[in-house]
Amino acid sequence: MSRLIFFFLTFILVYLCVDVVNGAVGEDDLPSFVGNSGAKRSLLEKLKTSCKHHHKTRVIGELKLGKCEMTCATGVAGFFKGPSTLKLQNREPCDNTGGKCYPPGVCAHES
């Protein structure tokens, strides 16, 4: 019976981990205002580096450029760690009219 329970819990853990990776943000998920494929790749790498620095993962679970925030995937639905939402503050593009993310994580336009 204990083997059956172990197998079941292992299956659930693997299923949840695969779900997180399959739900990861990719280049195709970025809006067109980010730019061409090279700009999208560069932004995604920058964001993954930020996730790695703050949460020790390179997987971006959710990206809300309009709100200047992203959520890093921190394992099994975040059960084992605290909140993994980061505010974007380093001039990331946030809308199609030239807005950029500035501290404290707001979308603003340069004048």
PDB file of N, CA and C in Angstrom:
ATOM      1  N   MET A   1       0.820  -1.195   0.000  1.00  0.00           N
ATOM      2  CA  MET A   1       0.000   0.000   0.000  1.00  0.00           C
ATOM      3  C   MET A   1       0.871   1.269   0.000  1.00  0.00           C
ATOM      4  N   SER A   2       1.957   1.220   0.767  1.00  0.00           N
ATOM      5  CA  SER A   2       2.824   2.403   0.815  1.00  0.00           C
ATOM      6  C   SER A   2       3.483   2.661  -0.540  1.00  0.00           C
ATOM      7  N   ARG A   3       3.780   1.607  -1.290  1.00  0.00           N
ATOM      8  CA  ARG A   3       4.351   1.791  -2.623  1.00  0.00           C
ATOM      9  C   ARG A   3       3.343   2.448  -3.556  1.00  0.00           C
ATOM     10  N   LEU A   4       2.105   2.069  -3.428  1.00  0.00           N
ATOM     11  CA  LEU A   4       1.057   2.660  -4.257  1.00  0.00           C
ATOM     12  C   LEU A   4       0.914   4.150  -3.952  1.00  0.00           C
ATOM     13  N   ILE A   5       0.928   4.502  -2.690  1.00  0.00           N
ATOM     14  CA  ILE A   5       0.835   5.911  -2.296  1.00  0.00           C
ATOM     15  C   ILE A   5       2.059   6.674  -2.794  1.00  0.00           C
ATOM     16  N   PHE A   6       3.244   6.081  -2.648  1.00  0.00           N
ATOM     17  CA  PHE A   6       4.468   6.716  -3.132  1.00  0.00           C
ATOM     18  C   PHE A   6       4.398   6.945  -4.639  1.00  0.00           C
ATOM     19  N   PHE A   7       3.957   5.933  -5.379  1.00  0.00           N
ATOM     20  CA  PHE A   7       3.829   6.054  -6.832  1.00  0.00           C
ATOM     21  C   PHE A   7       2.843   7.160  -7.196  1.00  0.00           C
ATOM     22  N   PHE A   8       1.724   7.206  -6.512  1.00  0.00           N
ATOM     23  CA  PHE A   8       0.700   8.216  -6.785  1.00  0.00           C
ATOM     24  C   PHE A   8       1.231   9.624  -6.520  1.00  0.00           C
ATOM     25  N   LEU A   9       1.894   9.824  -5.399  1.00  0.00           N
ATOM     26  CA  LEU A   9       2.440  11.142  -5.066  1.00  0.00           C
ATOM     27  C   LEU A   9       3.553  11.542  -6.035  1.00  0.00           C
ATOM     28  N   THR A  10       4.366  10.589  -6.449  1.00  0.00           N
ATOM     29  CA  THR A  10       5.409  10.870  -7.434  1.00  0.00           C
ATOM     30  C   THR A  10       4.796  11.297  -8.757  1.00  0.00           C
ATOM     31  N   PHE A  11       3.747  10.604  -9.166  1.00  0.00           N
ATOM     32  CA  PHE A  11       3.059  10.945 -10.411  1.00  0.00           C
ATOM     33  C   PHE A  11       2.507  12.368 -10.351  1.00  0.00           C
ATOM     34  N   ILE A  12       1.882  12.734  -9.249  1.00  0.00           N
ATOM     35  CA  ILE A  12       1.322  14.085  -9.102  1.00  0.00           C
ATOM     36  C   ILE A  12       2.437  15.126  -9.145  1.00  0.00           C
ATOM     37  N   LEU A  13       3.536  14.868  -8.470  1.00  0.00           N
ATOM     38  CA  LEU A  13       4.661  15.802  -8.464  1.00  0.00           C
ATOM     39  C   LEU A  13       5.213  16.010  -9.872  1.00  0.00           C
ATOM     40  N   VAL A  14       5.419  14.935 -10.608  1.00  0.00           N
ATOM     41  CA  VAL A  14       5.929  15.039 -11.979  1.00  0.00           C
ATOM     42  C   VAL A  14       4.927  15.774 -12.857  1.00  0.00           C
ATOM     43  N   TYR A  15       3.657  15.476 -12.707  1.00  0.00           N
ATOM     44  CA  TYR A  15       2.614  16.129 -13.503  1.00  0.00           C
ATOM     45  C   TYR A  15       2.623  17.640 -13.273  1.00  0.00           C
ATOM     46  N   LEU A  16       2.722  18.057 -12.023  1.00  0.00           N
ATOM     47  CA  LEU A  16       2.729  19.486 -11.716  1.00  0.00           C
ATOM     48  C   LEU A  16       3.986  20.163 -12.247  1.00  0.00           C
ATOM     49  N   CYS A  17       5.129  19.515 -12.149  1.00  0.00           N
ATOM     50  CA  CYS A  17       6.372  20.101 -12.661  1.00  0.00           C
ATOM     51  C   CYS A  17       6.329  20.245 -14.174  1.00  0.00           C
ATOM     52  N   VAL A  18       5.821  19.243 -14.861  1.00  0.00           N
ATOM     53  CA  VAL A  18       5.704  19.316 -16.317  1.00  0.00           C
ATOM     54  C   VAL A  18       4.730  20.410 -16.702  1.00  0.00           C
ATOM     55  N   ASP A  19       3.660  20.562 -15.941  1.00  0.00           N
ATOM     56  CA  ASP A  19       2.680  21.606 -16.219  1.00  0.00           C
ATOM     57  C   ASP A  19       3.312  22.981 -16.096  1.00  0.00           C
ATOM     58  N   VAL A  20       4.168  23.184 -15.110  1.00  0.00           N
ATOM     59  CA  VAL A  20       4.834  24.474 -14.939  1.00  0.00           C
ATOM     60  C   VAL A  20       5.743  24.756 -16.125  1.00  0.00           C
ATOM     61  N   VAL A  21       6.518  23.766 -16.548  1.00  0.00           N
ATOM     62  CA  VAL A  21       7.441  23.972 -17.665  1.00  0.00           C
ATOM     63  C   VAL A  21       6.674  24.190 -18.962  1.00  0.00           C
ATOM     64  N   ASN A  22       5.609  23.431 -19.190  1.00  0.00           N
ATOM     65  CA  ASN A  22       4.825  23.611 -20.410  1.00  0.00           C
ATOM     66  C   ASN A  22       4.122  24.955 -20.426  1.00  0.00           C
ATOM     67  N   GLY A  23       3.869  25.532 -19.266  1.00  0.00           N
ATOM     68  CA  GLY A  23       3.206  26.820 -19.198  1.00  0.00           C
ATOM     69  C   GLY A  23       4.174  27.984 -19.182  1.00  0.00           C
ATOM     70  N   ALA A  24       5.448  27.707 -19.384  1.00  0.00           N
ATOM     71  CA  ALA A  24       6.465  28.751 -19.325  1.00  0.00           C
ATOM     72  C   ALA A  24       6.307  29.738 -20.479  1.00  0.00           C
ATOM     73  N   VAL A  25       6.652  30.987 -20.209  1.00  0.00           N
ATOM     74  CA  VAL A  25       6.578  32.048 -21.213  1.00  0.00           C
ATOM     75  C   VAL A  25       7.723  31.866 -22.207  1.00  0.00           C
ATOM     76  N   GLY A  26       7.408  31.959 -23.487  1.00  0.00           N
ATOM     77  CA  GLY A  26       8.409  31.839 -24.545  1.00  0.00           C
ATOM     78  C   GLY A  26       8.377  33.058 -25.453  1.00  0.00           C
ATOM     79  N   GLU A  27       9.253  33.074 -26.441  1.00  0.00           N
ATOM     80  CA  GLU A  27       9.328  34.212 -27.373  1.00  0.00           C
ATOM     81  C   GLU A  27       8.003  34.462 -28.076  1.00  0.00           C
ATOM     82  N   ASP A  28       7.315  33.389 -28.441  1.00  0.00           N
ATOM     83  CA  ASP A  28       6.048  33.530 -29.160  1.00  0.00           C
ATOM     84  C   ASP A  28       4.950  34.149 -28.299  1.00  0.00           C
ATOM     85  N   ASP A  29       5.114  34.105 -26.978  1.00  0.00           N
ATOM     86  CA  ASP A  29       4.111  34.665 -26.069  1.00  0.00           C
ATOM     87  C   ASP A  29       4.273  36.164 -25.862  1.00  0.00           C
ATOM     88  N   LEU A  30       5.396  36.717 -26.288  1.00  0.00           N
ATOM     89  CA  LEU A  30       5.634  38.151 -26.104  1.00  0.00           C
ATOM     90  C   LEU A  30       4.863  38.946 -27.153  1.00  0.00           C
ATOM     91  N   PRO A  31       4.298  40.090 -26.760  1.00  0.00           N
ATOM     92  CA  PRO A  31       3.536  40.902 -27.719  1.00  0.00           C
ATOM     93  C   PRO A  31       4.433  41.518 -28.786  1.00  0.00           C
ATOM     94  N   SER A  32       3.823  41.939 -29.873  1.00  0.00           N
ATOM     95  CA  SER A  32       4.581  42.466 -31.013  1.00  0.00           C
ATOM     96  C   SER A  32       5.322  43.763 -30.684  1.00  0.00           C
ATOM     97  N   PHE A  33       4.832  44.549 -29.708  1.00  0.00           N
ATOM     98  CA  PHE A  33       5.504  45.818 -29.413  1.00  0.00           C
ATOM     99  C   PHE A  33       6.880  45.627 -28.779  1.00  0.00           C
ATOM    100  N   VAL A  34       7.215  44.406 -28.368  1.00  0.00           N
ATOM    101  CA  VAL A  34       8.548  44.144 -27.815  1.00  0.00           C
ATOM    102  C   VAL A  34       9.602  44.292 -28.903  1.00  0.00           C
ATOM    103  N   GLY A  35       9.236  43.969 -30.130  1.00  0.00           N
ATOM    104  CA  GLY A  35      10.170  44.120 -31.245  1.00  0.00           C
ATOM    105  C   GLY A  35      10.301  42.840 -32.038  1.00  0.00           C
ATOM    106  N   ASN A  36      11.404  42.743 -32.772  1.00  0.00           N
ATOM    107  CA  ASN A  36      11.629  41.566 -33.612  1.00  0.00           C
ATOM    108  C   ASN A  36      12.080  40.377 -32.768  1.00  0.00           C
ATOM    109  N   SER A  37      12.383  39.296 -33.430  1.00  0.00           N
ATOM    110  CA  SER A  37      12.766  38.062 -32.745  1.00  0.00           C
ATOM    111  C   SER A  37      14.002  38.250 -31.869  1.00  0.00           C
ATOM    112  N   GLY A  38      14.978  39.020 -32.343  1.00  0.00           N
ATOM    113  CA  GLY A  38      16.189  39.264 -31.555  1.00  0.00           C
ATOM    114  C   GLY A  38      15.901  40.051 -30.290  1.00  0.00           C
ATOM    115  N   ALA A  39      15.042  41.061 -30.395  1.00  0.00           N
ATOM    116  CA  ALA A  39      14.675  41.863 -29.224  1.00  0.00           C
ATOM    117  C   ALA A  39      13.887  41.018 -28.224  1.00  0.00           C
ATOM    118  N   LYS A  40      13.009  40.167 -28.742  1.00  0.00           N
ATOM    119  CA  LYS A  40      12.230  39.291 -27.859  1.00  0.00           C
ATOM    120  C   LYS A  40      13.147  38.327 -27.121  1.00  0.00           C
ATOM    121  N   ARG A  41      14.101  37.751 -27.842  1.00  0.00           N
ATOM    122  CA  ARG A  41      15.042  36.806 -27.236  1.00  0.00           C
ATOM    123  C   ARG A  41      15.875  37.506 -26.164  1.00  0.00           C
ATOM    124  N   SER A  42      16.328  38.718 -26.453  1.00  0.00           N
ATOM    125  CA  SER A  42      17.139  39.484 -25.508  1.00  0.00           C
ATOM    126  C   SER A  42      16.349  39.816 -24.240  1.00  0.00           C
ATOM    127  N   LEU A  43      15.103  40.270 -24.412  1.00  0.00           N
ATOM    128  CA  LEU A  43      14.264  40.597 -23.254  1.00  0.00           C
ATOM    129  C   LEU A  43      13.996  39.354 -22.422  1.00  0.00           C
ATOM    130  N   LEU A  44      13.685  38.249 -23.082  1.00  0.00           N
ATOM    131  CA  LEU A  44      13.395  37.015 -22.362  1.00  0.00           C
ATOM    132  C   LEU A  44      14.606  36.549 -21.559  1.00  0.00           C
ATOM    133  N   GLU A  45      15.796  36.647 -22.130  1.00  0.00           N
ATOM    134  CA  GLU A  45      17.012  36.262 -21.406  1.00  0.00           C
ATOM    135  C   GLU A  45      17.241  37.170 -20.200  1.00  0.00           C
ATOM    136  N   LYS A  46      16.991  38.455 -20.367  1.00  0.00           N
ATOM    137  CA  LYS A  46      17.137  39.417 -19.269  1.00  0.00           C
ATOM    138  C   LYS A  46      16.168  39.076 -18.131  1.00  0.00           C
ATOM    139  N   LEU A  47      14.935  38.741 -18.485  1.00  0.00           N
ATOM    140  CA  LEU A  47      13.935  38.400 -17.475  1.00  0.00           C
ATOM    141  C   LEU A  47      14.265  37.071 -16.796  1.00  0.00           C
ATOM    142  N   LYS A  48      14.743  36.104 -17.563  1.00  0.00           N
ATOM    143  CA  LYS A  48      15.133  34.816 -16.981  1.00  0.00           C
ATOM    144  C   LYS A  48      16.295  34.993 -16.011  1.00  0.00           C
ATOM    145  N   THR A  49      17.229  35.866 -16.349  1.00  0.00           N
ATOM    146  CA  THR A  49      18.357  36.143 -15.458  1.00  0.00           C
ATOM    147  C   THR A  49      17.865  36.756 -14.152  1.00  0.00           C
ATOM    148  N   SER A  50      16.875  37.630 -14.244  1.00  0.00           N
ATOM    149  CA  SER A  50      16.301  38.238 -13.041  1.00  0.00           C
ATOM    150  C   SER A  50      15.617  37.180 -12.174  1.00  0.00           C
ATOM    151  N   CYS A  51      14.883  36.267 -12.797  1.00  0.00           N
ATOM    152  CA  CYS A  51      14.257  35.166 -12.049  1.00  0.00           C
ATOM    153  C   CYS A  51      15.324  34.310 -11.373  1.00  0.00           C
ATOM    154  N   LYS A  52      16.392  34.026 -12.102  1.00  0.00           N
ATOM    155  CA  LYS A  52      17.477  33.204 -11.557  1.00  0.00           C
ATOM    156  C   LYS A  52      18.114  33.890 -10.353  1.00  0.00           C
ATOM    157  N   HIS A  53      18.309  35.194 -10.451  1.00  0.00           N
ATOM    158  CA  HIS A  53      18.931  35.956  -9.368  1.00  0.00           C
ATOM    159  C   HIS A  53      18.047  35.977  -8.115  1.00  0.00           C
ATOM    160  N   HIS A  54      16.761  36.197  -8.291  1.00  0.00           N
ATOM    161  CA  HIS A  54      15.861  36.360  -7.143  1.00  0.00           C
ATOM    162  C   HIS A  54      15.261  35.053  -6.626  1.00  0.00           C
ATOM    163  N   HIS A  55      15.009  34.090  -7.521  1.00  0.00           N
ATOM    164  CA  HIS A  55      14.280  32.884  -7.116  1.00  0.00           C
ATOM    165  C   HIS A  55      14.953  31.579  -7.512  1.00  0.00           C
ATOM    166  N   LYS A  56      16.168  31.652  -8.054  1.00  0.00           N
ATOM    167  CA  LYS A  56      16.944  30.466  -8.415  1.00  0.00           C
ATOM    168  C   LYS A  56      16.223  29.564  -9.413  1.00  0.00           C
ATOM    169  N   THR A  57      15.524  30.174 -10.355  1.00  0.00           N
ATOM    170  CA  THR A  57      14.901  29.454 -11.457  1.00  0.00           C
ATOM    171  C   THR A  57      14.965  30.338 -12.692  1.00  0.00           C
ATOM    172  N   ARG A  58      15.038  29.733 -13.863  1.00  0.00           N
ATOM    173  CA  ARG A  58      15.045  30.507 -15.107  1.00  0.00           C
ATOM    174  C   ARG A  58      13.716  30.370 -15.836  1.00  0.00           C
ATOM    175  N   VAL A  59      12.713  29.832 -15.162  1.00  0.00           N
ATOM    176  CA  VAL A  59      11.416  29.619 -15.794  1.00  0.00           C
ATOM    177  C   VAL A  59      10.470  30.754 -15.418  1.00  0.00           C
ATOM    178  N   ILE A  60       9.956  31.431 -16.436  1.00  0.00           N
ATOM    179  CA  ILE A  60       8.985  32.502 -16.219  1.00  0.00           C
ATOM    180  C   ILE A  60       7.598  31.894 -16.376  1.00  0.00           C
ATOM    181  N   GLY A  61       6.846  31.859 -15.296  1.00  0.00           N
ATOM    182  CA  GLY A  61       5.520  31.257 -15.326  1.00  0.00           C
ATOM    183  C   GLY A  61       4.471  32.171 -15.910  1.00  0.00           C
ATOM    184  N   GLU A  62       4.599  33.465 -15.665  1.00  0.00           N
ATOM    185  CA  GLU A  62       3.608  34.429 -16.156  1.00  0.00           C
ATOM    186  C   GLU A  62       4.292  35.778 -16.340  1.00  0.00           C
ATOM    187  N   LEU A  63       3.902  36.462 -17.398  1.00  0.00           N
ATOM    188  CA  LEU A  63       4.484  37.772 -17.689  1.00  0.00           C
ATOM    189  C   LEU A  63       3.362  38.742 -18.016  1.00  0.00           C
ATOM    190  N   LYS A  64       3.268  39.812 -17.238  1.00  0.00           N
ATOM    191  CA  LYS A  64       2.265  40.860 -17.465  1.00  0.00           C
ATOM    192  C   LYS A  64       3.017  42.156 -17.725  1.00  0.00           C
ATOM    193  N   LEU A  65       3.382  42.376 -18.972  1.00  0.00           N
ATOM    194  CA  LEU A  65       4.163  43.574 -19.293  1.00  0.00           C
ATOM    195  C   LEU A  65       3.367  44.844 -19.030  1.00  0.00           C
ATOM    196  N   GLY A  66       2.067  44.838 -19.279  1.00  0.00           N
ATOM    197  CA  GLY A  66       1.238  46.020 -19.050  1.00  0.00           C
ATOM    198  C   GLY A  66       1.207  46.448 -17.593  1.00  0.00           C
ATOM    199  N   LYS A  67       1.382  45.501 -16.679  1.00  0.00           N
ATOM    200  CA  LYS A  67       1.407  45.799 -15.246  1.00  0.00           C
ATOM    201  C   LYS A  67       2.828  45.824 -14.706  1.00  0.00           C
ATOM    202  N   CYS A  68       3.807  45.644 -15.603  1.00  0.00           N
ATOM    203  CA  CYS A  68       5.224  45.630 -15.216  1.00  0.00           C
ATOM    204  C   CYS A  68       5.504  44.605 -14.121  1.00  0.00           C
ATOM    205  N   GLU A  69       5.028  43.381 -14.323  1.00  0.00           N
ATOM    206  CA  GLU A  69       5.323  42.335 -13.360  1.00  0.00           C
ATOM    207  C   GLU A  69       5.425  40.978 -14.049  1.00  0.00           C
ATOM    208  N   MET A  70       6.189  40.100 -13.417  1.00  0.00           N
ATOM    209  CA  MET A  70       6.308  38.730 -13.896  1.00  0.00           C
ATOM    210  C   MET A  70       6.346  37.803 -12.696  1.00  0.00           C
ATOM    211  N   THR A  71       5.948  36.570 -12.941  1.00  0.00           N
ATOM    212  CA  THR A  71       5.969  35.549 -11.911  1.00  0.00           C
ATOM    213  C   THR A  71       6.940  34.464 -12.339  1.00  0.00           C
ATOM    214  N   CYS A  72       7.882  34.180 -11.481  1.00  0.00           N
ATOM    215  CA  CYS A  72       8.852  33.121 -11.747  1.00  0.00           C
ATOM    216  C   CYS A  72       8.284  31.802 -11.230  1.00  0.00           C
ATOM    217  N   ALA A  73       8.425  30.748 -12.019  1.00  0.00           N
ATOM    218  CA  ALA A  73       7.943  29.428 -11.610  1.00  0.00           C
ATOM    219  C   ALA A  73       8.935  28.846 -10.613  1.00  0.00           C
ATOM    220  N   THR A  74       8.484  28.655  -9.378  1.00  0.00           N
ATOM    221  CA  THR A  74       9.390  28.225  -8.309  1.00  0.00           C
ATOM    222  C   THR A  74       9.114  26.809  -7.841  1.00  0.00           C
ATOM    223  N   GLY A  75       8.768  25.919  -8.716  1.00  0.00           N
ATOM    224  CA  GLY A  75       8.563  24.528  -8.317  1.00  0.00           C
ATOM    225  C   GLY A  75       7.103  24.149  -8.357  1.00  0.00           C
ATOM    226  N   VAL A  76       6.745  23.229  -7.512  1.00  0.00           N
ATOM    227  CA  VAL A  76       5.417  22.641  -7.528  1.00  0.00           C
ATOM    228  C   VAL A  76       4.388  23.669  -7.075  1.00  0.00           C
ATOM    229  N   ALA A  77       3.891  24.438  -8.029  1.00  0.00           N
ATOM    230  CA  ALA A  77       2.850  25.434  -7.790  1.00  0.00           C
ATOM    231  C   ALA A  77       3.210  26.405  -6.678  1.00  0.00           C
ATOM    232  N   GLY A  78       4.498  26.572  -6.378  1.00  0.00           N
ATOM    233  CA  GLY A  78       4.931  27.523  -5.368  1.00  0.00           C
ATOM    234  C   GLY A  78       4.644  27.102  -3.942  1.00  0.00           C
ATOM    235  N   PHE A  79       4.338  25.811  -3.716  1.00  0.00           N
ATOM    236  CA  PHE A  79       3.996  25.357  -2.374  1.00  0.00           C
ATOM    237  C   PHE A  79       5.154  25.476  -1.398  1.00  0.00           C
ATOM    238  N   PHE A  80       6.373  25.308  -1.890  1.00  0.00           N
ATOM    239  CA  PHE A  80       7.516  25.238  -0.997  1.00  0.00           C
ATOM    240  C   PHE A  80       8.252  26.555  -0.836  1.00  0.00           C
ATOM    241  N   LYS A  81       7.814  27.580  -1.513  1.00  0.00           N
ATOM    242  CA  LYS A  81       8.477  28.878  -1.419  1.00  0.00           C
ATOM    243  C   LYS A  81       7.429  29.975  -1.320  1.00  0.00           C
ATOM    244  N   GLY A  82       7.879  31.161  -1.000  1.00  0.00           N
ATOM    245  CA  GLY A  82       6.975  32.297  -0.897  1.00  0.00           C
ATOM    246  C   GLY A  82       6.584  32.831  -2.262  1.00  0.00           C
ATOM    247  N   PRO A  83       5.991  34.011  -2.286  1.00  0.00           N
ATOM    248  CA  PRO A  83       5.570  34.617  -3.549  1.00  0.00           C
ATOM    249  C   PRO A  83       6.753  34.815  -4.494  1.00  0.00           C
ATOM    250  N   SER A  84       6.506  34.611  -5.766  1.00  0.00           N
ATOM    251  CA  SER A  84       7.597  34.707  -6.736  1.00  0.00           C
ATOM    252  C   SER A  84       7.324  35.773  -7.787  1.00  0.00           C
ATOM    253  N   THR A  85       6.530  36.778  -7.443  1.00  0.00           N
ATOM    254  CA  THR A  85       6.216  37.852  -8.381  1.00  0.00           C
ATOM    255  C   THR A  85       7.252  38.962  -8.246  1.00  0.00           C
ATOM    256  N   LEU A  86       7.771  39.391  -9.393  1.00  0.00           N
ATOM    257  CA  LEU A  86       8.758  40.470  -9.425  1.00  0.00           C
ATOM    258  C   LEU A  86       8.195  41.655 -10.188  1.00  0.00           C
ATOM    259  N   LYS A  87       8.492  42.852  -9.724  1.00  0.00           N
ATOM    260  CA  LYS A  87       8.136  44.073 -10.444  1.00  0.00           C
ATOM    261  C   LYS A  87       9.249  44.395 -11.432  1.00  0.00           C
ATOM    262  N   LEU A  88       8.877  44.700 -12.652  1.00  0.00           N
ATOM    263  CA  LEU A  88       9.854  45.079 -13.675  1.00  0.00           C
ATOM    264  C   LEU A  88      10.152  46.566 -13.525  1.00  0.00           C
ATOM    265  N   GLN A  89      11.440  46.925 -13.510  1.00  0.00           N
ATOM    266  CA  GLN A  89      11.827  48.313 -13.248  1.00  0.00           C
ATOM    267  C   GLN A  89      12.987  48.783 -14.117  1.00  0.00           C
ATOM    268  N   ASN A  90      13.385  47.994 -15.089  1.00  0.00           N
ATOM    269  CA  ASN A  90      14.591  48.301 -15.855  1.00  0.00           C
ATOM    270  C   ASN A  90      14.301  48.644 -17.310  1.00  0.00           C
ATOM    271  N   ARG A  91      13.307  49.482 -17.521  1.00  0.00           N
ATOM    272  CA  ARG A  91      12.960  49.988 -18.854  1.00  0.00           C
ATOM    273  C   ARG A  91      12.518  48.902 -19.833  1.00  0.00           C
ATOM    274  N   GLU A  92      11.837  47.874 -19.322  1.00  0.00           N
ATOM    275  CA  GLU A  92      11.266  46.866 -20.195  1.00  0.00           C
ATOM    276  C   GLU A  92      10.057  47.471 -20.899  1.00  0.00           C
ATOM    277  N   PRO A  93       9.813  47.127 -22.169  1.00  0.00           N
ATOM    278  CA  PRO A  93       8.642  47.672 -22.871  1.00  0.00           C
ATOM    279  C   PRO A  93       7.355  47.172 -22.225  1.00  0.00           C
ATOM    280  N   CYS A  94       6.370  48.081 -22.085  1.00  0.00           N
ATOM    281  CA  CYS A  94       5.141  47.673 -21.398  1.00  0.00           C
ATOM    282  C   CYS A  94       3.870  47.975 -22.180  1.00  0.00           C
ATOM    283  N   ASP A  95       3.962  48.731 -23.261  1.00  0.00           N
ATOM    284  CA  ASP A  95       2.773  48.937 -24.092  1.00  0.00           C
ATOM    285  C   ASP A  95       3.186  49.277 -25.517  1.00  0.00           C
ATOM    286  N   ASN A  96       2.200  49.377 -26.397  1.00  0.00           N
ATOM    287  CA  ASN A  96       2.517  49.591 -27.814  1.00  0.00           C
ATOM    288  C   ASN A  96       2.681  51.061 -28.188  1.00  0.00           C
ATOM    289  N   THR A  97       2.710  51.950 -27.200  1.00  0.00           N
ATOM    290  CA  THR A  97       2.923  53.371 -27.486  1.00  0.00           C
ATOM    291  C   THR A  97       4.267  53.863 -26.950  1.00  0.00           C
ATOM    292  N   GLY A  98       5.174  52.941 -26.674  1.00  0.00           N
ATOM    293  CA  GLY A  98       6.514  53.326 -26.236  1.00  0.00           C
ATOM    294  C   GLY A  98       6.714  53.385 -24.740  1.00  0.00           C
ATOM    295  N   GLY A  99       5.757  52.901 -23.966  1.00  0.00           N
ATOM    296  CA  GLY A  99       5.902  52.901 -22.514  1.00  0.00           C
ATOM    297  C   GLY A  99       6.972  51.931 -22.054  1.00  0.00           C
ATOM    298  N   LYS A 100       7.596  52.271 -20.937  1.00  0.00           N
ATOM    299  CA  LYS A 100       8.632  51.420 -20.356  1.00  0.00           C
ATOM    300  C   LYS A 100       8.371  51.284 -18.861  1.00  0.00           C
ATOM    301  N   CYS A 101       8.856  50.183 -18.293  1.00  0.00           N
ATOM    302  CA  CYS A 101       8.691  49.932 -16.860  1.00  0.00           C
ATOM    303  C   CYS A 101       9.776  50.668 -16.072  1.00  0.00           C
ATOM    304  N   TYR A 102       9.355  51.451 -15.098  1.00  0.00           N
ATOM    305  CA  TYR A 102      10.262  52.207 -14.230  1.00  0.00           C
ATOM    306  C   TYR A 102       9.938  51.893 -12.778  1.00  0.00           C
ATOM    307  N   PRO A 103      10.908  52.128 -11.869  1.00  0.00           N
ATOM    308  CA  PRO A 103      10.625  51.937 -10.446  1.00  0.00           C
ATOM    309  C   PRO A 103       9.468  52.828 -10.021  1.00  0.00           C
ATOM    310  N   PRO A 104       8.594  52.386  -9.201  1.00  0.00           N
ATOM    311  CA  PRO A 104       8.524  51.111  -8.480  1.00  0.00           C
ATOM    312  C   PRO A 104       7.739  50.031  -9.220  1.00  0.00           C
ATOM    313  N   GLY A 105       7.926  49.890 -10.510  1.00  0.00           N
ATOM    314  CA  GLY A 105       7.218  48.873 -11.280  1.00  0.00           C
ATOM    315  C   GLY A 105       5.979  49.417 -11.952  1.00  0.00           C
ATOM    316  N   VAL A 106       6.095  50.610 -12.548  1.00  0.00           N
ATOM    317  CA  VAL A 106       4.959  51.222 -13.246  1.00  0.00           C
ATOM    318  C   VAL A 106       5.325  51.467 -14.707  1.00  0.00           C
ATOM    319  N   CYS A 107       4.307  51.420 -15.555  1.00  0.00           N
ATOM    320  CA  CYS A 107       4.492  51.680 -16.977  1.00  0.00           C
ATOM    321  C   CYS A 107       4.365  53.181 -17.205  1.00  0.00           C
ATOM    322  N   ALA A 108       5.415  53.800 -17.731  1.00  0.00           N
ATOM    323  CA  ALA A 108       5.409  55.252 -17.953  1.00  0.00           C
ATOM    324  C   ALA A 108       6.075  55.564 -19.288  1.00  0.00           C
ATOM    325  N   HIS A 109       5.857  56.790 -19.758  1.00  0.00           N
ATOM    326  CA  HIS A 109       6.436  57.247 -21.021  1.00  0.00           C
ATOM    327  C   HIS A 109       7.466  58.335 -20.751  1.00  0.00           C
ATOM    328  N   GLU A 110       8.541  58.316 -21.529  1.00  0.00           N
ATOM    329  CA  GLU A 110       9.554  59.359 -21.398  1.00  0.00           C
ATOM    330  C   GLU A 110       9.048  60.619 -22.071  1.00  0.00           C
ATOM    331  N   SER A 111       9.430  61.751 -21.534  1.00  0.00           N
ATOM    332  CA  SER A 111       8.996  63.015 -22.155  1.00  0.00           C
ATOM    333  C   SER A 111      10.143  63.719 -22.828  1.00  0.00           C
TER     334      SER A 111
END
